[in-house]
Amino acid sequence: MHLSRYPRLHFAHLPTPLEAMPRISAELGGPNLWIKRDDCTGLSSGGNKTRKLEFLMADAVERGADTIITQGATQSNHARQTCAIAAKLGLDCHILLEDRTGYHDEAYALNGNVLLDQLHGAGISMRPADSDMNAEMEQLSMQLRDDGKKPYLIPGGGSNEIGALGYVNAAFELTHQANERSLHIDHLLHATGSAGTQAGLVLGMEAMNSGIPVYGVSVRAEQRKQEENVYRLIQRTAEFMGYSPDLVAREKVVANSDYVGPGYGLPTDAMVEAVKMLACYEGILLDPVYAGKGFAGLIDLVRKGHFKKGENVVFLHTGGSVSLFAYPNIFGLPGYQ
């Protein structure tokens, strides 16, 4: 797969580090745990969307766009990274934020990602839960076109066949890093939400015949729906790249939804434990919405013996730790009890 065929802007800090986690591996007493630090991509505190935006924003520039529109939940990591790169490129940016959690306290509504969205100069407007966010973006797009603007719409999470190229490339990058240090990766696990990260990883790993299975931990949808969303995007991305939509077998897509808890963005005890453990054992910050629940799934799977002792398991950190500041009262820390 020759990804240089596709327009791309280079602003991510790549390759991101691949680090061993010996202390938490010893504490859990199972496989050897590693972490792929996509929280270190460099754009407005980093995160996985930066890889996708390298391709998406290149497409926007090539099409002559002067305005970017995207959407997400109130504490959207994707929105924050989109605002940042739009600012860097001198483009107007409008983000529509959906109230998915029902939280309206000041920390959640104004701190974390929302604070950074505003610092990057984006226009922000809220929408109620269960809104048709794609339709809302289209409506705003029509208004801006009437005003003489040239808007470019980016789907939630940057998850379409263009954005997924970022994680096809990440699969190549991770495999190269493993090869360079003679590391045999037995499993790759990450939090999966809007589907683009998992779709790109699975497609890239399968196209290389890497033998590395990708295991998604869903943060929103139930398993069947999440897996279907990921598989459909794999098919569209494969076709976009000129390959058969059947390049990847359906059974290669796994998305465990056991760790969603009461809903998207709503805390769980397991997530709180995971965030605290990684902070205390490895000095790494997870976020409460995505990576925190993904790592909670990894901890539980290790404890249940899903991964064998001595195997090498890589956790892909999708970033978002800035959203910790939107949830200051969930960790039972001094001053918040």
C-alpha atoms as a PDB file:
ATOM      1  CA  MET A   1       0.000   0.000   0.000  1.00  0.00           C
ATOM      2  CA  HIS A   2       1.610   3.214  -1.209  1.00  0.00           C
ATOM      3  CA  LEU A   3      -0.039   5.911   0.878  1.00  0.00           C
ATOM      4  CA  SER A   4       1.974   8.679  -0.766  1.00  0.00           C
ATOM      5  CA  ARG A   5      -0.599   8.529  -3.553  1.00  0.00           C
ATOM      6  CA  TYR A   6      -2.991  10.425  -1.289  1.00  0.00           C
ATOM      7  CA  PRO A   7      -2.810  14.110  -0.335  1.00  0.00           C
ATOM      8  CA  ARG A   8      -1.362  14.515   3.136  1.00  0.00           C
ATOM      9  CA  LEU A   9      -0.140  17.323   5.355  1.00  0.00           C
ATOM     10  CA  HIS A  10       2.697  16.460   7.742  1.00  0.00           C
ATOM     11  CA  PHE A  11       2.163  18.016  11.143  1.00  0.00           C
ATOM     12  CA  ALA A  12       1.928  15.028  13.499  1.00  0.00           C
ATOM     13  CA  HIS A  13       4.923  14.125  15.665  1.00  0.00           C
ATOM     14  CA  LEU A  14       5.658  10.707  14.198  1.00  0.00           C
ATOM     15  CA  PRO A  15       6.590   8.021  14.853  1.00  0.00           C
ATOM     16  CA  THR A  16       4.980   8.057  18.268  1.00  0.00           C
ATOM     17  CA  PRO A  17       6.872   6.163  20.999  1.00  0.00           C
ATOM     18  CA  LEU A  18       6.379   2.476  21.668  1.00  0.00           C
ATOM     19  CA  GLU A  19       7.158   1.915  25.353  1.00  0.00           C
ATOM     20  CA  ALA A  20       7.326  -1.066  27.677  1.00  0.00           C
ATOM     21  CA  MET A  21       5.249  -0.913  30.875  1.00  0.00           C
ATOM     22  CA  PRO A  22       7.178  -3.183  33.268  1.00  0.00           C
ATOM     23  CA  ARG A  23       5.682  -2.034  36.576  1.00  0.00           C
ATOM     24  CA  ILE A  24       2.032  -2.500  35.668  1.00  0.00           C
ATOM     25  CA  SER A  25       2.905  -5.749  33.858  1.00  0.00           C
ATOM     26  CA  ALA A  26       4.420  -7.060  37.091  1.00  0.00           C
ATOM     27  CA  GLU A  27       1.469  -5.840  39.143  1.00  0.00           C
ATOM     28  CA  LEU A  28      -1.065  -7.639  36.936  1.00  0.00           C
ATOM     29  CA  GLY A  29       1.116 -10.737  36.632  1.00  0.00           C
ATOM     30  CA  GLY A  30       0.093 -11.667  33.100  1.00  0.00           C
ATOM     31  CA  PRO A  31       1.463 -10.690  29.678  1.00  0.00           C
ATOM     32  CA  ASN A  32       4.141  -8.127  28.911  1.00  0.00           C
ATOM     33  CA  LEU A  33       2.301  -4.842  28.403  1.00  0.00           C
ATOM     34  CA  TRP A  34       3.438  -2.165  25.964  1.00  0.00           C
ATOM     35  CA  ILE A  35       1.918   1.171  25.035  1.00  0.00           C
ATOM     36  CA  LYS A  36       1.874   2.946  21.664  1.00  0.00           C
ATOM     37  CA  ARG A  37       1.841   6.627  22.616  1.00  0.00           C
ATOM     38  CA  ASP A  38      -0.584   8.232  20.180  1.00  0.00           C
ATOM     39  CA  ASP A  39      -1.272  10.721  22.937  1.00  0.00           C
ATOM     40  CA  CYS A  40       2.058  12.208  21.786  1.00  0.00           C
ATOM     41  CA  THR A  41       1.110  13.225  18.232  1.00  0.00           C
ATOM     42  CA  GLY A  42       1.823  16.840  19.115  1.00  0.00           C
ATOM     43  CA  LEU A  43      -1.314  18.707  18.025  1.00  0.00           C
ATOM     44  CA  SER A  44      -2.957  20.574  20.926  1.00  0.00           C
ATOM     45  CA  SER A  45      -1.939  17.958  23.544  1.00  0.00           C
ATOM     46  CA  GLY A  46      -2.070  15.130  20.979  1.00  0.00           C
ATOM     47  CA  GLY A  47      -4.372  12.221  20.268  1.00  0.00           C
ATOM     48  CA  ASN A  48      -5.325   9.735  17.605  1.00  0.00           C
ATOM     49  CA  LYS A  49      -7.351  12.159  15.465  1.00  0.00           C
ATOM     50  CA  THR A  50      -4.181  13.977  14.438  1.00  0.00           C
ATOM     51  CA  ARG A  51      -3.179  11.088  12.168  1.00  0.00           C
ATOM     52  CA  LYS A  52      -6.571  11.200  10.465  1.00  0.00           C
ATOM     53  CA  LEU A  53      -6.479  14.976  10.116  1.00  0.00           C
ATOM     54  CA  GLU A  54      -3.216  14.857   8.158  1.00  0.00           C
ATOM     55  CA  PHE A  55      -5.189  13.276   5.305  1.00  0.00           C
ATOM     56  CA  LEU A  56      -8.520  15.017   5.879  1.00  0.00           C
ATOM     57  CA  MET A  57      -7.088  18.522   6.028  1.00  0.00           C
ATOM     58  CA  ALA A  58      -4.962  17.870   2.936  1.00  0.00           C
ATOM     59  CA  ASP A  59      -8.174  16.982   1.100  1.00  0.00           C
ATOM     60  CA  ALA A  60      -9.836  20.133   2.438  1.00  0.00           C
ATOM     61  CA  VAL A  61      -6.966  22.343   1.252  1.00  0.00           C
ATOM     62  CA  GLU A  62      -6.866  20.632  -2.137  1.00  0.00           C
ATOM     63  CA  ARG A  63     -10.584  21.356  -2.556  1.00  0.00           C
ATOM     64  CA  GLY A  64     -10.082  25.031  -1.762  1.00  0.00           C
ATOM     65  CA  ALA A  65     -11.967  25.056   1.533  1.00  0.00           C
ATOM     66  CA  ASP A  66     -11.772  28.118   3.754  1.00  0.00           C
ATOM     67  CA  THR A  67     -13.943  26.792   6.586  1.00  0.00           C
ATOM     68  CA  ILE A  68     -13.981  23.490   8.484  1.00  0.00           C
ATOM     69  CA  ILE A  69     -17.100  22.029  10.090  1.00  0.00           C
ATOM     70  CA  THR A  70     -17.073  19.009  12.373  1.00  0.00           C
ATOM     71  CA  GLN A  71     -18.994  17.534  15.284  1.00  0.00           C
ATOM     72  CA  GLY A  72     -18.614  15.470  18.425  1.00  0.00           C
ATOM     73  CA  ALA A  73     -19.637  15.187  22.063  1.00  0.00           C
ATOM     74  CA  THR A  74     -19.114  18.109  24.442  1.00  0.00           C
ATOM     75  CA  GLN A  75     -15.653  16.900  25.475  1.00  0.00           C
ATOM     76  CA  SER A  76     -14.671  15.780  21.978  1.00  0.00           C
ATOM     77  CA  ASN A  77     -10.958  15.126  21.510  1.00  0.00           C
ATOM     78  CA  HIS A  78     -11.526  15.156  17.766  1.00  0.00           C
ATOM     79  CA  ALA A  79     -13.080  18.624  17.863  1.00  0.00           C
ATOM     80  CA  ARG A  80     -10.126  19.990  19.835  1.00  0.00           C
ATOM     81  CA  GLN A  81      -7.553  18.620  17.394  1.00  0.00           C
ATOM     82  CA  THR A  82      -9.587  19.829  14.407  1.00  0.00           C
ATOM     83  CA  CYS A  83      -9.785  23.343  15.872  1.00  0.00           C
ATOM     84  CA  ALA A  84      -6.043  23.336  16.377  1.00  0.00           C
ATOM     85  CA  ILE A  85      -5.060  22.345  12.855  1.00  0.00           C
ATOM     86  CA  ALA A  86      -7.629  24.724  11.362  1.00  0.00           C
ATOM     87  CA  ALA A  87      -6.002  27.527  13.363  1.00  0.00           C
ATOM     88  CA  LYS A  88      -2.546  26.463  12.160  1.00  0.00           C
ATOM     89  CA  LEU A  89      -3.735  26.527   8.542  1.00  0.00           C
ATOM     90  CA  GLY A  90      -5.602  29.824   8.895  1.00  0.00           C
ATOM     91  CA  LEU A  91      -9.035  28.292   8.263  1.00  0.00           C
ATOM     92  CA  ASP A  92     -12.270  29.157  10.040  1.00  0.00           C
ATOM     93  CA  CYS A  93     -13.594  26.311  12.178  1.00  0.00           C
ATOM     94  CA  HIS A  94     -17.105  25.601  13.430  1.00  0.00           C
ATOM     95  CA  ILE A  95     -17.797  22.708  15.762  1.00  0.00           C
ATOM     96  CA  LEU A  96     -21.157  21.317  16.790  1.00  0.00           C
ATOM     97  CA  LEU A  97     -21.102  19.638  20.192  1.00  0.00           C
ATOM     98  CA  GLU A  98     -23.754  17.104  21.195  1.00  0.00           C
ATOM     99  CA  ASP A  99     -24.880  16.814  24.821  1.00  0.00           C
ATOM    100  CA  ARG A 100     -24.455  13.045  25.136  1.00  0.00           C
ATOM    101  CA  THR A 101     -23.913  12.808  28.889  1.00  0.00           C
ATOM    102  CA  GLY A 102     -26.387  15.287  30.392  1.00  0.00           C
ATOM    103  CA  TYR A 103     -23.568  16.851  32.436  1.00  0.00           C
ATOM    104  CA  HIS A 104     -23.871  20.624  32.750  1.00  0.00           C
ATOM    105  CA  ASP A 105     -21.546  21.470  35.627  1.00  0.00           C
ATOM    106  CA  GLU A 106     -18.964  24.160  34.962  1.00  0.00           C
ATOM    107  CA  ALA A 107     -15.956  21.829  34.775  1.00  0.00           C
ATOM    108  CA  TYR A 108     -17.554  19.633  32.121  1.00  0.00           C
ATOM    109  CA  ALA A 109     -19.190  22.393  30.108  1.00  0.00           C
ATOM    110  CA  LEU A 110     -16.302  24.872  30.073  1.00  0.00           C
ATOM    111  CA  ASN A 111     -13.048  23.109  31.002  1.00  0.00           C
ATOM    112  CA  GLY A 112     -10.962  20.392  29.329  1.00  0.00           C
ATOM    113  CA  ASN A 113     -11.432  20.163  25.571  1.00  0.00           C
ATOM    114  CA  VAL A 114     -14.022  22.942  25.504  1.00  0.00           C
ATOM    115  CA  LEU A 115     -11.521  25.391  26.962  1.00  0.00           C
ATOM    116  CA  LEU A 116      -8.979  24.468  24.285  1.00  0.00           C
ATOM    117  CA  ASP A 117     -11.598  24.660  21.510  1.00  0.00           C
ATOM    118  CA  GLN A 118     -12.155  28.282  22.480  1.00  0.00           C
ATOM    119  CA  LEU A 119      -8.450  29.061  22.787  1.00  0.00           C
ATOM    120  CA  HIS A 120      -8.009  27.853  19.198  1.00  0.00           C
ATOM    121  CA  GLY A 121     -10.665  30.356  18.095  1.00  0.00           C
ATOM    122  CA  ALA A 122     -13.368  27.946  16.950  1.00  0.00           C
ATOM    123  CA  GLY A 123     -17.031  28.778  16.741  1.00  0.00           C
ATOM    124  CA  ILE A 124     -18.929  26.439  19.064  1.00  0.00           C
ATOM    125  CA  SER A 125     -22.621  25.611  19.186  1.00  0.00           C
ATOM    126  CA  MET A 126     -24.421  22.973  21.207  1.00  0.00           C
ATOM    127  CA  ARG A 127     -26.980  20.398  20.115  1.00  0.00           C
ATOM    128  CA  PRO A 128     -29.222  18.201  22.316  1.00  0.00           C
ATOM    129  CA  ALA A 129     -28.657  14.483  22.785  1.00  0.00           C
ATOM    130  CA  ASP A 130     -29.638  12.191  19.916  1.00  0.00           C
ATOM    131  CA  SER A 131     -29.499  14.960  17.328  1.00  0.00           C
ATOM    132  CA  ASP A 132     -28.791  13.981  13.729  1.00  0.00           C
ATOM    133  CA  MET A 133     -25.353  15.558  13.820  1.00  0.00           C
ATOM    134  CA  ASN A 134     -24.580  14.940  10.155  1.00  0.00           C
ATOM    135  CA  ALA A 135     -27.794  16.725   9.196  1.00  0.00           C
ATOM    136  CA  GLU A 136     -26.907  19.561  11.559  1.00  0.00           C
ATOM    137  CA  MET A 137     -23.527  19.942   9.862  1.00  0.00           C
ATOM    138  CA  GLU A 138     -25.178  19.986   6.435  1.00  0.00           C
ATOM    139  CA  GLN A 139     -27.568  22.709   7.536  1.00  0.00           C
ATOM    140  CA  LEU A 140     -24.730  24.856   8.841  1.00  0.00           C
ATOM    141  CA  SER A 141     -22.797  24.178   5.655  1.00  0.00           C
ATOM    142  CA  MET A 142     -25.653  25.521   3.528  1.00  0.00           C
ATOM    143  CA  GLN A 143     -25.839  28.672   5.628  1.00  0.00           C
ATOM    144  CA  LEU A 144     -22.114  29.260   5.251  1.00  0.00           C
ATOM    145  CA  ARG A 145     -22.244  28.669   1.489  1.00  0.00           C
ATOM    146  CA  ASP A 146     -24.983  31.270   1.255  1.00  0.00           C
ATOM    147  CA  ASP A 147     -22.561  33.652   2.978  1.00  0.00           C
ATOM    148  CA  GLY A 148     -19.923  32.951   0.335  1.00  0.00           C
ATOM    149  CA  LYS A 149     -17.842  30.463   2.338  1.00  0.00           C
ATOM    150  CA  LYS A 150     -16.343  27.200   1.078  1.00  0.00           C
ATOM    151  CA  PRO A 151     -16.946  24.737   3.921  1.00  0.00           C
ATOM    152  CA  TYR A 152     -15.450  21.264   4.247  1.00  0.00           C
ATOM    153  CA  LEU A 153     -17.296  18.769   6.454  1.00  0.00           C
ATOM    154  CA  ILE A 154     -15.407  16.268   8.590  1.00  0.00           C
ATOM    155  CA  PRO A 155     -17.475  13.466  10.167  1.00  0.00           C
ATOM    156  CA  GLY A 156     -17.363  12.774  13.893  1.00  0.00           C
ATOM    157  CA  GLY A 157     -13.995  11.354  14.894  1.00  0.00           C
ATOM    158  CA  GLY A 158     -12.641  12.031  11.400  1.00  0.00           C
ATOM    159  CA  SER A 159     -13.853   8.531  10.637  1.00  0.00           C
ATOM    160  CA  ASN A 160     -14.363   8.095   6.922  1.00  0.00           C
ATOM    161  CA  GLU A 161     -12.260   6.398   4.269  1.00  0.00           C
ATOM    162  CA  ILE A 162      -9.893   9.390   4.053  1.00  0.00           C
ATOM    163  CA  GLY A 163      -9.372   9.670   7.795  1.00  0.00           C
ATOM    164  CA  ALA A 164      -8.898   5.912   8.167  1.00  0.00           C
ATOM    165  CA  LEU A 165      -5.753   6.181   6.026  1.00  0.00           C
ATOM    166  CA  GLY A 166      -4.066   7.664   9.076  1.00  0.00           C
ATOM    167  CA  TYR A 167      -4.389   4.366  10.907  1.00  0.00           C
ATOM    168  CA  VAL A 168      -3.509   2.234   7.926  1.00  0.00           C
ATOM    169  CA  ASN A 169      -0.258   4.166   8.103  1.00  0.00           C
ATOM    170  CA  ALA A 170      -0.093   3.698  11.896  1.00  0.00           C
ATOM    171  CA  ALA A 171      -0.263  -0.071  11.381  1.00  0.00           C
ATOM    172  CA  PHE A 172       2.809   0.157   9.133  1.00  0.00           C
ATOM    173  CA  GLU A 173       4.575   2.378  11.667  1.00  0.00           C
ATOM    174  CA  LEU A 174       3.919   0.094  14.627  1.00  0.00           C
ATOM    175  CA  THR A 175       4.982  -3.013  12.716  1.00  0.00           C
ATOM    176  CA  HIS A 176       8.216  -1.314  11.665  1.00  0.00           C
ATOM    177  CA  GLN A 177       8.951  -0.333  15.283  1.00  0.00           C
ATOM    178  CA  ALA A 178       8.350  -3.897  16.430  1.00  0.00           C
ATOM    179  CA  ASN A 179      10.601  -5.266  13.696  1.00  0.00           C
ATOM    180  CA  GLU A 180      13.399  -2.869  14.625  1.00  0.00           C
ATOM    181  CA  ARG A 181      13.487  -4.147  18.213  1.00  0.00           C
ATOM    182  CA  SER A 182      12.662  -7.796  17.426  1.00  0.00           C
ATOM    183  CA  LEU A 183       9.394  -7.484  19.331  1.00  0.00           C
ATOM    184  CA  HIS A 184       6.779 -10.084  18.492  1.00  0.00           C
ATOM    185  CA  ILE A 185       3.398  -8.424  19.073  1.00  0.00           C
ATOM    186  CA  ASP A 186       0.778 -10.996  20.001  1.00  0.00           C
ATOM    187  CA  HIS A 187      -2.150  -8.587  20.456  1.00  0.00           C
ATOM    188  CA  LEU A 188      -2.984  -4.941  19.774  1.00  0.00           C
ATOM    189  CA  LEU A 189      -5.790  -3.439  21.862  1.00  0.00           C
ATOM    190  CA  HIS A 190      -7.395   0.019  21.863  1.00  0.00           C
ATOM    191  CA  ALA A 191     -10.592   1.923  22.638  1.00  0.00           C
ATOM    192  CA  THR A 192     -12.945   2.052  19.657  1.00  0.00           C
ATOM    193  CA  GLY A 193     -15.649   4.647  19.133  1.00  0.00           C
ATOM    194  CA  SER A 194     -16.273   6.331  15.771  1.00  0.00           C
ATOM    195  CA  ALA A 195     -14.625   3.328  14.020  1.00  0.00           C
ATOM    196  CA  GLY A 196     -11.876   5.026  12.001  1.00  0.00           C
ATOM    197  CA  THR A 197      -8.942   4.032  14.193  1.00  0.00           C
ATOM    198  CA  GLN A 198      -9.902   0.368  14.330  1.00  0.00           C
ATOM    199  CA  ALA A 199     -10.840   0.218  10.648  1.00  0.00           C
ATOM    200  CA  GLY A 200      -7.470   1.609   9.597  1.00  0.00           C
ATOM    201  CA  LEU A 201      -5.503  -0.627  11.959  1.00  0.00           C
ATOM    202  CA  VAL A 202      -7.295  -3.819  10.933  1.00  0.00           C
ATOM    203  CA  LEU A 203      -7.000  -2.998   7.229  1.00  0.00           C
ATOM    204  CA  GLY A 204      -3.320  -2.129   7.524  1.00  0.00           C
ATOM    205  CA  MET A 205      -2.435  -5.190   9.577  1.00  0.00           C
ATOM    206  CA  GLU A 206      -4.306  -7.518   7.231  1.00  0.00           C
ATOM    207  CA  ALA A 207      -2.873  -5.924   4.087  1.00  0.00           C
ATOM    208  CA  MET A 208       0.650  -6.567   5.448  1.00  0.00           C
ATOM    209  CA  ASN A 209      -0.261 -10.073   6.564  1.00  0.00           C
ATOM    210  CA  SER A 210       1.260  -9.032   9.898  1.00  0.00           C
ATOM    211  CA  GLY A 211      -0.479 -11.683  11.961  1.00  0.00           C
ATOM    212  CA  ILE A 212      -1.209  -9.047  14.639  1.00  0.00           C
ATOM    213  CA  PRO A 213      -4.875  -9.238  15.756  1.00  0.00           C
ATOM    214  CA  VAL A 214      -6.595  -5.968  16.650  1.00  0.00           C
ATOM    215  CA  TYR A 215      -8.922  -6.002  19.652  1.00  0.00           C
ATOM    216  CA  GLY A 216     -11.292  -3.070  20.105  1.00  0.00           C
ATOM    217  CA  VAL A 217     -12.889  -2.098  23.409  1.00  0.00           C
ATOM    218  CA  SER A 218     -16.074  -0.206  22.570  1.00  0.00           C
ATOM    219  CA  VAL A 219     -16.793   3.017  24.456  1.00  0.00           C
ATOM    220  CA  ARG A 220     -20.297   3.602  23.117  1.00  0.00           C
ATOM    221  CA  ALA A 221     -22.085   1.074  20.895  1.00  0.00           C
ATOM    222  CA  GLU A 222     -22.990  -2.512  21.679  1.00  0.00           C
ATOM    223  CA  GLN A 223     -20.734  -5.152  20.155  1.00  0.00           C
ATOM    224  CA  ARG A 224     -22.642  -6.129  17.022  1.00  0.00           C
ATOM    225  CA  LYS A 225     -23.313  -2.528  16.005  1.00  0.00           C
ATOM    226  CA  GLN A 226     -19.736  -1.430  16.667  1.00  0.00           C
ATOM    227  CA  GLU A 227     -18.254  -4.314  14.744  1.00  0.00           C
ATOM    228  CA  GLU A 228     -20.551  -3.656  11.791  1.00  0.00           C
ATOM    229  CA  ASN A 229     -19.628   0.043  11.798  1.00  0.00           C
ATOM    230  CA  VAL A 230     -15.937  -0.833  11.760  1.00  0.00           C
ATOM    231  CA  TYR A 231     -16.314  -3.498   9.072  1.00  0.00           C
ATOM    232  CA  ARG A 232     -18.300  -1.235   6.738  1.00  0.00           C
ATOM    233  CA  LEU A 233     -15.624   1.433   7.039  1.00  0.00           C
ATOM    234  CA  ILE A 234     -12.926  -1.159   6.321  1.00  0.00           C
ATOM    235  CA  GLN A 235     -14.778  -2.095   3.135  1.00  0.00           C
ATOM    236  CA  ARG A 236     -15.176   1.530   2.038  1.00  0.00           C
ATOM    237  CA  THR A 237     -11.521   2.298   2.783  1.00  0.00           C
ATOM    238  CA  ALA A 238     -10.298  -0.777   0.920  1.00  0.00           C
ATOM    239  CA  GLU A 239     -12.341   0.248  -2.137  1.00  0.00           C
ATOM    240  CA  PHE A 240     -11.089   3.830  -1.846  1.00  0.00           C
ATOM    241  CA  MET A 241      -7.552   2.456  -2.001  1.00  0.00           C
ATOM    242  CA  GLY A 242      -8.309   0.298  -5.022  1.00  0.00           C
ATOM    243  CA  TYR A 243      -8.613  -3.047  -3.252  1.00  0.00           C
ATOM    244  CA  SER A 244     -11.437  -5.529  -2.986  1.00  0.00           C
ATOM    245  CA  PRO A 245     -13.956  -4.660  -0.248  1.00  0.00           C
ATOM    246  CA  ASP A 246     -13.557  -8.271   0.860  1.00  0.00           C
ATOM    247  CA  LEU A 247      -9.832  -7.895   1.535  1.00  0.00           C
ATOM    248  CA  VAL A 248     -10.511  -8.271   5.277  1.00  0.00           C
ATOM    249  CA  ALA A 249     -12.658 -11.106   6.621  1.00  0.00           C
ATOM    250  CA  ARG A 250     -15.547 -10.050   8.864  1.00  0.00           C
ATOM    251  CA  GLU A 251     -14.308 -12.200  11.757  1.00  0.00           C
ATOM    252  CA  LYS A 252     -11.136 -10.079  11.982  1.00  0.00           C
ATOM    253  CA  VAL A 253     -13.200  -7.255  13.501  1.00  0.00           C
ATOM    254  CA  VAL A 254     -13.624  -7.620  17.286  1.00  0.00           C
ATOM    255  CA  ALA A 255     -15.168  -4.940  19.503  1.00  0.00           C
ATOM    256  CA  ASN A 256     -15.887  -5.930  23.107  1.00  0.00           C
ATOM    257  CA  SER A 257     -18.639  -3.716  24.565  1.00  0.00           C
ATOM    258  CA  ASP A 258     -18.488  -5.062  28.142  1.00  0.00           C
ATOM    259  CA  TYR A 259     -16.773  -1.945  29.472  1.00  0.00           C
ATOM    260  CA  VAL A 260     -19.060   0.851  28.228  1.00  0.00           C
ATOM    261  CA  GLY A 261     -20.852   1.028  31.592  1.00  0.00           C
ATOM    262  CA  PRO A 262     -23.983   3.220  31.819  1.00  0.00           C
ATOM    263  CA  GLY A 263     -23.162   5.005  28.569  1.00  0.00           C
ATOM    264  CA  TYR A 264     -20.773   7.097  26.491  1.00  0.00           C
ATOM    265  CA  GLY A 265     -18.723   9.493  28.575  1.00  0.00           C
ATOM    266  CA  LEU A 266     -20.229   8.226  31.838  1.00  0.00           C
ATOM    267  CA  PRO A 267     -17.653   7.080  34.414  1.00  0.00           C
ATOM    268  CA  THR A 268     -17.239   3.507  35.625  1.00  0.00           C
ATOM    269  CA  ASP A 269     -15.357   2.182  38.651  1.00  0.00           C
ATOM    270  CA  ALA A 270     -13.157   0.111  36.335  1.00  0.00           C
ATOM    271  CA  MET A 271     -12.221   3.204  34.316  1.00  0.00           C
ATOM    272  CA  VAL A 272     -11.318   5.101  37.488  1.00  0.00           C
ATOM    273  CA  GLU A 273      -9.123   2.196  38.604  1.00  0.00           C
ATOM    274  CA  ALA A 274      -7.433   2.036  35.191  1.00  0.00           C
ATOM    275  CA  VAL A 275      -6.660   5.769  35.107  1.00  0.00           C
ATOM    276  CA  LYS A 276      -5.233   5.680  38.631  1.00  0.00           C
ATOM    277  CA  MET A 277      -3.186   2.538  38.016  1.00  0.00           C
ATOM    278  CA  LEU A 278      -1.484   3.766  34.866  1.00  0.00           C
ATOM    279  CA  ALA A 279      -0.801   7.173  36.424  1.00  0.00           C
ATOM    280  CA  CYS A 280       0.693   5.620  39.563  1.00  0.00           C
ATOM    281  CA  TYR A 281       2.603   2.725  37.995  1.00  0.00           C
ATOM    282  CA  GLU A 282       3.823   4.221  34.712  1.00  0.00           C
ATOM    283  CA  GLY A 283       3.357   8.001  34.963  1.00  0.00           C
ATOM    284  CA  ILE A 284       1.000   7.995  31.959  1.00  0.00           C
ATOM    285  CA  LEU A 285      -2.325   9.827  31.863  1.00  0.00           C
ATOM    286  CA  LEU A 286      -5.400   8.257  30.282  1.00  0.00           C
ATOM    287  CA  ASP A 287      -8.673  10.003  29.570  1.00  0.00           C
ATOM    288  CA  PRO A 288     -12.010   9.090  31.224  1.00  0.00           C
ATOM    289  CA  VAL A 289     -14.002   8.558  28.014  1.00  0.00           C
ATOM    290  CA  TYR A 290     -11.883   6.519  25.604  1.00  0.00           C
ATOM    291  CA  ALA A 291      -8.452   5.273  26.670  1.00  0.00           C
ATOM    292  CA  GLY A 292      -9.533   4.928  30.317  1.00  0.00           C
ATOM    293  CA  LYS A 293     -12.304   2.498  29.416  1.00  0.00           C
ATOM    294  CA  GLY A 294     -10.087   0.775  26.858  1.00  0.00           C
ATOM    295  CA  PHE A 295      -7.386   0.172  29.446  1.00  0.00           C
ATOM    296  CA  ALA A 296     -10.006  -0.942  31.978  1.00  0.00           C
ATOM    297  CA  GLY A 297     -10.935  -3.613  29.460  1.00  0.00           C
ATOM    298  CA  LEU A 298      -7.299  -4.632  29.104  1.00  0.00           C
ATOM    299  CA  ILE A 299      -6.856  -4.934  32.887  1.00  0.00           C
ATOM    300  CA  ASP A 300      -9.958  -7.089  33.225  1.00  0.00           C
ATOM    301  CA  LEU A 301      -8.985  -9.315  30.301  1.00  0.00           C
ATOM    302  CA  VAL A 302      -5.530  -9.838  31.801  1.00  0.00           C
ATOM    303  CA  ARG A 303      -7.047 -10.757  35.167  1.00  0.00           C
ATOM    304  CA  LYS A 304      -9.361 -13.239  33.457  1.00  0.00           C
ATOM    305  CA  GLY A 305      -6.455 -14.916  31.669  1.00  0.00           C
ATOM    306  CA  HIS A 306      -7.533 -13.856  28.179  1.00  0.00           C
ATOM    307  CA  PHE A 307      -3.902 -13.096  27.349  1.00  0.00           C
ATOM    308  CA  LYS A 308      -1.193 -15.650  28.141  1.00  0.00           C
ATOM    309  CA  LYS A 309       1.714 -14.999  30.466  1.00  0.00           C
ATOM    310  CA  GLY A 310       4.719 -13.998  28.403  1.00  0.00           C
ATOM    311  CA  GLU A 311       2.701 -12.672  25.454  1.00  0.00           C
ATOM    312  CA  ASN A 312       3.354  -9.130  24.255  1.00  0.00           C
ATOM    313  CA  VAL A 313       0.226  -6.973  24.315  1.00  0.00           C
ATOM    314  CA  VAL A 314       0.344  -3.432  22.931  1.00  0.00           C
ATOM    315  CA  PHE A 315      -2.206  -0.880  24.096  1.00  0.00           C
ATOM    316  CA  LEU A 316      -2.732   1.985  21.644  1.00  0.00           C
ATOM    317  CA  HIS A 317      -3.202   5.172  23.692  1.00  0.00           C
ATOM    318  CA  THR A 318      -5.650   7.329  21.726  1.00  0.00           C
ATOM    319  CA  GLY A 319      -4.996  10.450  23.839  1.00  0.00           C
ATOM    320  CA  GLY A 320      -7.468  12.861  25.381  1.00  0.00           C
ATOM    321  CA  SER A 321      -6.022  13.301  28.881  1.00  0.00           C
ATOM    322  CA  VAL A 322      -7.024  16.974  28.802  1.00  0.00           C
ATOM    323  CA  SER A 323     -10.595  15.798  29.446  1.00  0.00           C
ATOM    324  CA  LEU A 324      -9.530  14.690  32.930  1.00  0.00           C
ATOM    325  CA  PHE A 325     -10.067  18.319  33.908  1.00  0.00           C
ATOM    326  CA  ALA A 326     -13.717  18.021  32.915  1.00  0.00           C
ATOM    327  CA  TYR A 327     -14.232  15.205  35.450  1.00  0.00           C
ATOM    328  CA  PRO A 328     -12.414  16.481  38.578  1.00  0.00           C
ATOM    329  CA  ASN A 329     -14.722  14.868  41.132  1.00  0.00           C
ATOM    330  CA  ILE A 330     -14.777  11.229  40.014  1.00  0.00           C
ATOM    331  CA  PHE A 331     -11.405  10.044  41.329  1.00  0.00           C
ATOM    332  CA  GLY A 332     -11.989  10.481  45.073  1.00  0.00           C
ATOM    333  CA  LEU A 333      -8.860  12.585  45.435  1.00  0.00           C
ATOM    334  CA  PRO A 334      -8.205  14.936  48.369  1.00  0.00           C
ATOM    335  CA  GLY A 335     -10.131  18.146  47.938  1.00  0.00           C
ATOM    336  CA  TYR A 336     -12.886  16.484  45.881  1.00  0.00           C
ATOM    337  CA  GLN A 337     -14.280  14.020  48.414  1.00  0.00           C
END
